[in-house]
Protein backbone atom coordinates (compact mmCIF):
# COMPACT_ATOMS: atom_id res chain seq x y z
CA MET A 1 -13.63 0.06 -28.52
CA PHE A 2 -14.29 -3.63 -28.08
CA LEU A 3 -10.57 -4.40 -27.64
CA ILE A 4 -10.24 -1.77 -24.91
CA SER A 5 -13.24 -3.22 -23.11
CA LEU A 6 -11.81 -6.70 -23.53
CA ALA A 7 -8.53 -5.62 -21.94
CA MET A 8 -10.09 -3.59 -19.12
CA ARG A 9 -12.39 -6.25 -17.71
CA PRO A 10 -9.64 -8.62 -16.47
CA ALA A 11 -7.66 -5.66 -15.15
CA ALA A 12 -10.69 -4.41 -13.23
CA ALA A 13 -11.34 -7.89 -11.86
CA VAL A 14 -7.76 -8.22 -10.61
CA TYR A 15 -7.89 -4.72 -9.09
CA ASN A 16 -11.15 -5.47 -7.27
CA TRP A 17 -9.79 -8.79 -5.99
CA CYS A 18 -6.62 -7.09 -4.70
CA GLN A 19 -8.58 -4.34 -3.00
CA ARG A 20 -10.85 -6.86 -1.32
CA TRP A 21 -8.45 -9.60 -0.21
CA LEU A 22 -4.93 -8.22 0.23
CA PRO A 23 -4.49 -6.85 3.77
CA SER A 24 -2.04 -4.10 2.87
CA ASN A 25 -4.43 -2.68 0.27
CA ARG A 26 -7.22 -2.65 2.84
CA LEU A 27 -4.91 -0.87 5.29
CA VAL A 28 -3.90 1.76 2.74
CA THR A 29 -7.58 2.34 1.92
CA LEU A 30 -8.29 2.84 5.64
CA LEU A 31 -5.38 5.24 5.97
CA ARG A 32 -6.79 7.43 3.21
CA THR A 33 -9.90 8.25 5.25
CA ARG A 34 -10.17 11.01 7.81
CA ARG A 35 -10.33 8.47 10.64
CA GLY A 36 -7.16 6.80 9.38
CA TYR A 37 -4.87 9.80 9.91
CA ARG A 38 -3.99 8.77 13.46
CA TRP A 39 -2.77 5.37 12.24
CA GLY A 40 -0.16 6.84 9.89
CA VAL A 41 2.91 6.39 12.09
CA PRO A 42 2.05 2.80 13.15
CA ALA A 43 1.52 1.95 9.46
CA VAL A 44 4.99 3.27 8.61
CA LEU A 45 6.45 1.17 11.44
CA LEU A 46 4.60 -1.84 10.06
CA GLY A 47 6.12 -1.03 6.67
CA ALA A 48 9.57 -1.03 8.29
CA LEU A 49 8.80 -4.46 9.75
CA TYR A 50 7.83 -5.73 6.29
CA PHE A 51 11.14 -4.39 4.97
CA VAL A 52 13.08 -6.26 7.67
CA VAL A 53 11.22 -9.50 6.87
CA GLY A 54 12.14 -8.99 3.20
CA ILE A 55 15.78 -8.66 4.22
CA GLY A 56 15.37 -11.93 6.15
CA CYS A 57 14.09 -13.63 2.99
CA TYR A 58 17.09 -12.34 1.08
CA GLY A 59 19.45 -13.55 3.81
CA ALA A 60 17.83 -16.99 3.78
CA VAL A 61 18.43 -17.29 0.04
CA ARG A 62 22.05 -16.24 0.50
CA LEU A 63 22.44 -18.98 3.13
CA GLY A 64 21.33 -21.63 0.66
CA HIS A 65 17.56 -21.90 0.99
CA THR A 66 15.30 -22.07 -2.04
CA GLU A 67 15.36 -19.20 -4.51
CA TRP A 68 11.58 -18.96 -4.33
CA LEU A 69 12.15 -16.75 -1.30
CA TYR A 70 13.11 -14.00 -3.74
CA LEU A 71 9.40 -13.81 -4.54
CA GLY A 72 8.62 -13.38 -0.85
CA MET A 73 11.29 -10.70 -0.61
CA LEU A 74 9.73 -8.84 -3.51
CA VAL A 75 6.24 -9.03 -2.00
CA PHE A 76 7.43 -7.87 1.42
CA TRP A 77 9.42 -4.96 -0.01
CA TRP A 78 6.55 -3.91 -2.27
CA THR A 79 4.20 -3.89 0.73
CA ALA A 80 6.72 -1.90 2.77
CA LEU A 81 7.00 0.70 0.02
CA LYS A 82 3.24 0.84 -0.35
CA LEU A 83 2.72 1.46 3.36
CA ALA A 84 5.55 3.99 3.69
CA LEU A 85 4.88 6.03 0.56
CA ARG A 86 1.09 5.98 0.58
CA THR A 87 0.90 6.94 4.24
CA PHE A 88 3.06 10.05 4.14
CA GLY A 89 3.04 10.58 0.39
CA GLY A 90 0.54 12.64 -1.51
CA GLY A 91 -2.78 11.56 -2.90
CA HIS A 92 -4.71 10.98 0.28
CA GLY A 93 -7.96 12.21 -1.22
CA VAL A 94 -9.09 13.79 2.06
CA ARG A 95 -8.47 17.43 2.64
CA PRO A 96 -8.22 18.94 6.10
CA PRO A 97 -11.03 21.37 6.93
CA ALA A 98 -10.43 24.74 5.34
CA ALA A 99 -9.92 27.71 7.63
CA ARG A 100 -12.68 30.25 7.39
CA SER A 101 -11.53 33.50 5.94
CA ILE A 102 -12.45 36.87 7.33
CA ARG A 103 -14.33 37.78 4.14
CA SER A 104 -16.75 34.86 4.46
CA ARG A 105 -18.10 36.09 7.80
């Protein structure tokens, strides 16, 4: 039990730091609320923009710039996937209001 606790504490600290300081995680958290539904399409468009910037990083490496831009490409593509899949994918956590049935009246 102690080893599990020892492994979970750093993981929880990293998760909390990411949720607090990374802008895409804050945006995905906002999109999961009821008020965030209207921002779904702009978030997907922002994800497409992140994907294009990742392609630009890849193109810069192919033109001879530093290979550290592969890391930027990976971060941009991961953010694009996160915005696109979490916005229209499942797991929102908020259900639309249920229709009242005739029997409940």
